[in-house]
N, C-alpha and C. Protein backbone atom coordinates (compact mmCIF):
# COMPACT_ATOMS: atom_id res chain seq x y z
N MET A 1 38.53 4.05 14.98
CA MET A 1 37.62 4.99 14.11
C MET A 1 37.35 4.50 12.87
N GLY A 2 38.21 4.00 12.25
CA GLY A 2 37.96 3.34 10.89
C GLY A 2 37.14 2.08 10.93
N GLU A 3 37.29 1.22 11.85
CA GLU A 3 36.45 0.21 12.09
C GLU A 3 35.07 0.48 12.25
N LEU A 4 34.86 1.58 13.24
CA LEU A 4 33.47 2.09 13.42
C LEU A 4 32.85 2.75 12.22
N LEU A 5 33.61 3.48 11.41
CA LEU A 5 33.18 3.93 10.12
C LEU A 5 32.70 2.83 9.11
N GLY A 6 33.59 1.78 9.13
CA GLY A 6 33.23 0.71 8.28
C GLY A 6 32.01 0.02 8.73
N GLU A 7 31.68 -0.06 9.99
CA GLU A 7 30.58 -0.83 10.50
C GLU A 7 29.38 -0.01 10.05
N VAL A 8 29.39 1.26 10.27
CA VAL A 8 28.41 2.27 9.91
C VAL A 8 27.85 2.09 8.42
N THR A 9 29.02 2.19 7.67
CA THR A 9 28.92 1.98 6.21
C THR A 9 28.14 0.61 5.83
N ARG A 10 28.56 -0.38 6.43
CA ARG A 10 28.06 -1.72 6.23
C ARG A 10 26.51 -1.68 6.70
N ASP A 11 26.20 -1.16 7.78
CA ASP A 11 24.97 -1.11 8.28
C ASP A 11 23.97 -0.35 7.42
N LEU A 12 24.51 0.84 7.00
CA LEU A 12 23.67 1.66 6.10
C LEU A 12 23.42 0.87 4.58
N SER A 13 24.51 0.06 4.23
CA SER A 13 24.34 -0.59 2.96
C SER A 13 23.32 -1.62 3.18
N THR A 14 23.22 -2.29 4.30
CA THR A 14 22.25 -3.44 4.55
C THR A 14 20.73 -2.71 4.72
N LEU A 15 20.84 -1.63 5.38
CA LEU A 15 19.48 -0.84 5.59
C LEU A 15 18.95 -0.50 4.10
N MET A 16 19.75 0.13 3.41
CA MET A 16 19.29 0.43 1.95
C MET A 16 18.80 -0.77 1.06
N ARG A 17 19.52 -1.89 1.21
CA ARG A 17 19.17 -3.17 0.46
C ARG A 17 17.95 -3.68 0.98
N GLN A 18 17.73 -3.63 2.32
CA GLN A 18 16.45 -4.06 2.92
C GLN A 18 15.30 -3.13 2.46
N GLU A 19 15.49 -1.91 2.47
CA GLU A 19 14.36 -1.00 2.06
C GLU A 19 14.04 -1.10 0.58
N ILE A 20 15.08 -1.41 -0.27
CA ILE A 20 14.70 -1.64 -1.69
C ILE A 20 13.91 -2.95 -1.82
N ALA A 21 14.42 -3.92 -1.12
CA ALA A 21 13.69 -5.20 -1.15
C ALA A 21 12.29 -5.06 -0.79
N LEU A 22 11.94 -4.44 0.25
CA LEU A 22 10.61 -4.11 0.83
C LEU A 22 9.84 -3.22 -0.27
N ALA A 23 10.34 -2.32 -0.89
CA ALA A 23 9.85 -1.35 -1.93
C ALA A 23 9.41 -2.40 -3.03
N LYS A 24 10.35 -3.27 -3.50
CA LYS A 24 10.04 -4.20 -4.61
C LYS A 24 8.82 -5.06 -4.30
N ALA A 25 8.74 -5.51 -3.02
CA ALA A 25 7.82 -6.57 -2.81
C ALA A 25 6.32 -5.75 -2.66
N GLU A 26 6.43 -4.60 -2.23
CA GLU A 26 5.05 -3.67 -2.07
C GLU A 26 4.64 -3.30 -3.52
N VAL A 27 5.58 -2.93 -4.19
CA VAL A 27 5.28 -2.55 -5.66
C VAL A 27 4.59 -3.72 -6.46
N SER A 28 5.28 -4.99 -6.09
CA SER A 28 4.74 -6.12 -6.80
C SER A 28 3.26 -6.36 -6.38
N GLU A 29 2.98 -6.40 -5.15
CA GLU A 29 1.74 -6.58 -4.61
C GLU A 29 0.62 -5.60 -5.19
N SER A 30 1.06 -4.26 -5.08
CA SER A 30 0.15 -3.19 -5.66
C SER A 30 -0.10 -3.52 -7.04
N ALA A 31 0.82 -3.90 -7.88
CA ALA A 31 0.67 -4.00 -9.26
C ALA A 31 -0.31 -5.12 -9.57
N LYS A 32 -0.30 -6.10 -8.72
CA LYS A 32 -1.06 -7.47 -8.86
C LYS A 32 -2.48 -6.98 -8.61
N ARG A 33 -2.83 -6.15 -7.61
CA ARG A 33 -4.08 -5.65 -7.26
C ARG A 33 -4.63 -4.80 -8.41
N ALA A 34 -3.69 -3.86 -8.88
CA ALA A 34 -4.21 -2.91 -9.91
C ALA A 34 -4.51 -3.77 -11.23
N GLY A 35 -3.74 -4.82 -11.42
CA GLY A 35 -3.99 -5.55 -12.74
C GLY A 35 -5.42 -6.28 -12.53
N LYS A 36 -5.69 -6.83 -11.54
CA LYS A 36 -7.02 -7.49 -11.43
C LYS A 36 -8.22 -6.35 -11.48
N GLY A 37 -7.90 -5.38 -10.80
CA GLY A 37 -8.95 -4.24 -11.06
C GLY A 37 -9.10 -3.82 -12.47
N ALA A 38 -8.12 -3.55 -13.24
CA ALA A 38 -7.99 -3.17 -14.53
C ALA A 38 -8.64 -4.17 -15.46
N GLY A 39 -8.42 -5.59 -15.20
CA GLY A 39 -8.96 -6.75 -15.99
C GLY A 39 -10.47 -6.65 -15.80
N MET A 40 -10.79 -6.43 -14.48
CA MET A 40 -12.22 -6.46 -14.32
C MET A 40 -13.10 -5.35 -15.05
N LEU A 41 -12.46 -4.08 -15.07
CA LEU A 41 -12.93 -2.94 -15.63
C LEU A 41 -12.90 -3.23 -17.19
N ALA A 42 -11.90 -4.00 -17.69
CA ALA A 42 -11.90 -4.28 -19.21
C ALA A 42 -13.07 -5.22 -19.50
N GLY A 43 -13.31 -6.27 -18.70
CA GLY A 43 -14.54 -7.04 -18.89
C GLY A 43 -15.72 -6.30 -18.88
N ALA A 44 -15.79 -5.31 -17.78
CA ALA A 44 -17.11 -4.42 -17.88
C ALA A 44 -17.28 -3.67 -19.12
N GLY A 45 -16.11 -3.28 -19.66
CA GLY A 45 -16.14 -2.61 -20.87
C GLY A 45 -16.64 -3.49 -22.11
N VAL A 46 -16.19 -4.66 -22.14
CA VAL A 46 -16.60 -5.69 -23.17
C VAL A 46 -18.15 -5.97 -22.93
N ALA A 47 -18.40 -6.12 -21.72
CA ALA A 47 -19.89 -6.45 -21.37
C ALA A 47 -20.72 -5.19 -21.52
N GLY A 48 -20.36 -4.07 -21.47
CA GLY A 48 -20.99 -2.76 -21.84
C GLY A 48 -21.30 -2.86 -23.26
N HIS A 49 -20.16 -3.03 -24.02
CA HIS A 49 -20.29 -3.09 -25.49
C HIS A 49 -21.36 -4.16 -25.91
N MET A 50 -21.51 -5.22 -25.31
CA MET A 50 -22.52 -6.38 -25.50
C MET A 50 -23.83 -5.85 -25.18
N VAL A 51 -23.87 -5.04 -24.29
CA VAL A 51 -25.28 -4.30 -23.91
C VAL A 51 -25.79 -3.44 -25.06
N LEU A 52 -24.81 -2.54 -25.55
CA LEU A 52 -25.19 -1.81 -26.72
C LEU A 52 -25.49 -2.57 -27.93
N LEU A 53 -24.80 -3.63 -28.13
CA LEU A 53 -24.93 -4.48 -29.30
C LEU A 53 -26.37 -5.15 -29.14
N PHE A 54 -26.72 -5.76 -28.07
CA PHE A 54 -27.76 -6.54 -27.98
C PHE A 54 -29.06 -5.75 -27.83
N LEU A 55 -29.11 -4.53 -27.20
CA LEU A 55 -30.11 -3.50 -27.19
C LEU A 55 -30.50 -2.95 -28.60
N SER A 56 -29.27 -2.81 -29.35
CA SER A 56 -29.53 -2.32 -30.85
C SER A 56 -30.20 -3.46 -31.62
N ILE A 57 -29.92 -4.59 -31.35
CA ILE A 57 -30.55 -5.75 -32.07
C ILE A 57 -31.94 -5.93 -31.63
N ALA A 58 -32.11 -5.82 -30.35
CA ALA A 58 -33.54 -5.90 -29.74
C ALA A 58 -34.28 -4.78 -30.35
N LEU A 59 -33.89 -3.70 -30.33
CA LEU A 59 -34.69 -2.49 -30.97
C LEU A 59 -35.10 -2.76 -32.35
N TRP A 60 -33.96 -3.42 -33.12
CA TRP A 60 -34.19 -3.57 -34.65
C TRP A 60 -35.33 -4.65 -34.67
N TRP A 61 -35.12 -5.70 -33.96
CA TRP A 61 -36.09 -6.82 -34.10
C TRP A 61 -37.49 -6.33 -33.51
N ALA A 62 -37.55 -5.60 -32.43
CA ALA A 62 -38.86 -5.10 -32.02
C ALA A 62 -39.47 -4.16 -32.96
N LEU A 63 -38.69 -3.47 -33.49
CA LEU A 63 -39.37 -2.43 -34.50
C LEU A 63 -39.75 -3.10 -35.74
N GLY A 64 -39.04 -4.14 -36.21
CA GLY A 64 -39.10 -4.77 -37.36
C GLY A 64 -40.38 -5.83 -37.39
N SER A 65 -40.50 -6.35 -36.34
CA SER A 65 -41.68 -7.27 -36.19
C SER A 65 -42.17 -7.08 -34.60
N ALA A 66 -43.30 -6.56 -34.47
CA ALA A 66 -43.88 -6.37 -33.13
C ALA A 66 -44.47 -7.51 -32.50
N ILE A 67 -44.04 -8.73 -33.04
CA ILE A 67 -44.57 -9.94 -32.44
C ILE A 67 -43.96 -10.36 -31.16
N GLY A 68 -42.64 -10.18 -31.02
CA GLY A 68 -41.96 -10.67 -29.84
C GLY A 68 -40.46 -11.19 -29.94
N ARG A 69 -40.21 -11.41 -31.19
CA ARG A 69 -38.88 -11.87 -31.40
C ARG A 69 -37.76 -10.99 -30.80
N GLY A 70 -38.05 -9.76 -30.74
CA GLY A 70 -37.08 -8.70 -30.14
C GLY A 70 -36.84 -8.80 -28.70
N TRP A 71 -37.97 -9.41 -27.92
CA TRP A 71 -37.84 -9.41 -26.56
C TRP A 71 -36.84 -10.43 -26.14
N SER A 72 -36.63 -11.33 -26.88
CA SER A 72 -35.47 -12.42 -26.40
C SER A 72 -34.17 -11.57 -26.50
N ALA A 73 -33.92 -10.81 -27.52
CA ALA A 73 -32.75 -10.09 -27.49
C ALA A 73 -32.61 -9.13 -26.31
N VAL A 74 -33.83 -8.59 -25.80
CA VAL A 74 -33.87 -7.65 -24.60
C VAL A 74 -33.33 -8.53 -23.34
N VAL A 75 -33.70 -9.67 -23.29
CA VAL A 75 -33.49 -10.54 -22.11
C VAL A 75 -31.96 -10.66 -22.10
N VAL A 76 -31.40 -10.99 -23.25
CA VAL A 76 -29.90 -11.16 -23.50
C VAL A 76 -29.21 -9.86 -23.12
N ALA A 77 -29.72 -8.83 -23.42
CA ALA A 77 -29.06 -7.50 -23.11
C ALA A 77 -29.04 -7.17 -21.63
N VAL A 78 -30.29 -7.64 -20.98
CA VAL A 78 -30.44 -7.32 -19.61
C VAL A 78 -29.44 -8.37 -18.76
N VAL A 79 -29.06 -9.48 -19.36
CA VAL A 79 -28.20 -10.30 -18.83
C VAL A 79 -26.71 -9.79 -18.79
N TRP A 80 -26.37 -9.23 -20.07
CA TRP A 80 -25.16 -8.62 -20.14
C TRP A 80 -25.03 -7.23 -19.46
N ALA A 81 -26.16 -6.55 -19.08
CA ALA A 81 -25.90 -5.38 -18.23
C ALA A 81 -25.71 -5.77 -16.81
N VAL A 82 -26.29 -6.86 -16.47
CA VAL A 82 -26.07 -7.42 -15.03
C VAL A 82 -24.47 -7.81 -15.00
N VAL A 83 -24.01 -8.51 -15.74
CA VAL A 83 -22.73 -8.84 -16.03
C VAL A 83 -21.75 -7.59 -15.79
N ALA A 84 -22.07 -6.67 -16.67
CA ALA A 84 -21.39 -5.49 -16.67
C ALA A 84 -21.24 -4.76 -15.48
N ALA A 85 -22.38 -4.66 -14.67
CA ALA A 85 -22.52 -4.15 -13.37
C ALA A 85 -21.61 -4.75 -12.44
N VAL A 86 -21.76 -6.09 -12.26
CA VAL A 86 -20.92 -6.76 -11.37
C VAL A 86 -19.50 -6.64 -11.68
N LEU A 87 -18.99 -6.77 -12.92
CA LEU A 87 -17.64 -6.53 -13.06
C LEU A 87 -17.17 -5.22 -12.79
N ALA A 88 -17.93 -4.15 -13.13
CA ALA A 88 -17.49 -2.76 -12.75
C ALA A 88 -17.33 -2.60 -11.38
N LEU A 89 -18.37 -3.07 -10.55
CA LEU A 89 -18.28 -2.87 -9.17
C LEU A 89 -17.25 -3.65 -8.51
N ARG A 90 -16.96 -4.89 -8.85
CA ARG A 90 -15.81 -5.70 -8.32
C ARG A 90 -14.45 -5.14 -8.85
N GLY A 91 -14.39 -4.51 -10.05
CA GLY A 91 -13.09 -3.92 -10.39
C GLY A 91 -12.73 -2.60 -9.71
N ARG A 92 -13.88 -1.62 -9.42
CA ARG A 92 -13.63 -0.54 -8.69
C ARG A 92 -13.21 -0.84 -7.19
N THR A 93 -13.96 -1.99 -6.68
CA THR A 93 -13.35 -2.45 -5.49
C THR A 93 -11.96 -2.72 -5.32
N GLN A 94 -11.58 -3.64 -6.32
CA GLN A 94 -10.07 -4.03 -6.43
C GLN A 94 -9.24 -2.80 -6.58
N LEU A 95 -9.58 -1.91 -7.34
CA LEU A 95 -8.68 -0.63 -7.35
C LEU A 95 -8.66 0.22 -6.33
N ARG A 96 -9.63 0.23 -5.45
CA ARG A 96 -9.64 1.00 -4.13
C ARG A 96 -8.84 0.42 -3.22
N GLU A 97 -8.67 -0.86 -3.33
CA GLU A 97 -7.81 -1.62 -2.30
C GLU A 97 -6.27 -1.44 -2.38
N VAL A 98 -6.01 -0.84 -3.67
CA VAL A 98 -4.46 -0.83 -3.86
C VAL A 98 -3.93 0.39 -2.87
N GLU A 99 -3.06 0.02 -2.18
CA GLU A 99 -2.66 0.90 -0.96
C GLU A 99 -1.32 1.82 -1.51
N GLY A 100 -0.54 1.26 -2.40
CA GLY A 100 0.78 1.95 -2.55
C GLY A 100 1.90 1.26 -1.80
N LEU A 101 2.75 2.05 -1.21
CA LEU A 101 3.89 1.56 -0.47
C LEU A 101 3.84 1.86 1.10
N PRO A 102 3.00 1.54 1.80
CA PRO A 102 2.67 2.02 3.23
C PRO A 102 3.88 1.66 4.11
N GLU A 103 4.38 0.31 4.05
CA GLU A 103 5.46 -0.22 4.98
C GLU A 103 6.91 0.52 4.53
N THR A 104 7.01 0.74 3.27
CA THR A 104 8.26 1.22 2.90
C THR A 104 8.28 2.73 3.24
N ALA A 105 7.12 3.56 3.12
CA ALA A 105 7.08 4.90 3.52
C ALA A 105 7.35 5.08 5.10
N ASP A 106 6.75 4.04 5.72
CA ASP A 106 6.87 4.11 7.39
C ASP A 106 8.31 3.84 7.66
N SER A 107 8.86 2.90 7.09
CA SER A 107 10.49 2.61 7.39
C SER A 107 11.35 3.64 7.01
N VAL A 108 10.95 4.25 5.88
CA VAL A 108 11.94 5.36 5.47
C VAL A 108 11.94 6.66 6.27
N ARG A 109 10.62 6.76 6.83
CA ARG A 109 10.56 7.89 7.83
C ARG A 109 11.51 7.57 9.18
N LYS A 110 11.82 6.41 9.41
CA LYS A 110 12.48 6.08 10.58
C LYS A 110 13.96 6.25 10.40
N ILE A 111 14.47 6.29 9.16
CA ILE A 111 15.87 6.15 8.95
C ILE A 111 16.60 7.35 9.57
N PRO A 112 16.13 8.65 9.44
CA PRO A 112 16.86 9.78 10.02
C PRO A 112 17.14 9.62 11.62
N HIS A 113 16.12 9.11 12.28
CA HIS A 113 16.16 8.88 13.68
C HIS A 113 17.31 7.72 13.85
N ALA A 114 17.26 6.73 13.13
CA ALA A 114 18.22 5.60 13.37
C ALA A 114 19.54 6.16 13.07
N LEU A 115 19.67 7.02 12.01
CA LEU A 115 21.11 7.42 11.81
C LEU A 115 21.55 8.42 12.82
N GLN A 116 20.73 9.10 13.50
CA GLN A 116 21.12 9.85 14.66
C GLN A 116 21.27 9.15 15.94
N GLY A 117 20.89 7.99 15.91
CA GLY A 117 21.08 7.11 17.19
C GLY A 117 19.83 7.27 18.16
N HIS A 118 18.72 7.81 17.73
CA HIS A 118 17.47 8.02 18.38
C HIS A 118 16.42 6.99 18.03
N GLU A 119 16.58 5.73 17.96
CA GLU A 119 15.69 4.83 17.53
C GLU A 119 14.40 4.86 18.28
N GLU A 120 14.60 5.27 19.61
CA GLU A 120 13.32 5.36 20.37
C GLU A 120 12.27 6.26 19.99
N LYS A 121 12.72 7.28 19.14
CA LYS A 121 11.76 8.16 18.72
C LYS A 121 11.01 7.47 17.44
N ASN A 122 11.24 6.41 17.04
CA ASN A 122 10.54 5.70 15.92
C ASN A 122 9.32 4.87 16.48
N ALA A 123 9.17 4.86 17.77
CA ALA A 123 8.04 4.06 18.26
C ALA A 123 6.89 4.74 18.21
C-alpha cells in the first residue's frame, strides 16, 4: 500500500511539474504576441502624433502663403496617416491572435478524470 501511495504521489508531482512547464511556455508565447501588438500600436501612436504635427504645419503654411508650400507638408502628413493606419491594423491583428493558455486549460480539465482512473473520459 505504501509503495502504491508513493507511486501515486510521484505521478501527481510529475503531472504538476509538467502542467507548470506547459503554462510557462504558453504564457511566454502569449506575452511575445502581446508585446508585438503593443509595439505596433505604440508605433501607430507615434505616427498619429506625426499626422497631427504635419497637418498643423501644413495648415500653418497653407494659411500663411496660399502659393503651395503648405501642400508639401500635406503630402508628408498623408504619408504618416498611411503609416499610422497600417501599424494600427497590424497591431490590432497581432493582439487578436493572443490566445491565452488553451493547452494548459485543456490538460487541467483532464486531471480529475485521470485521478479517478477514468482517462477514457478525457478523449
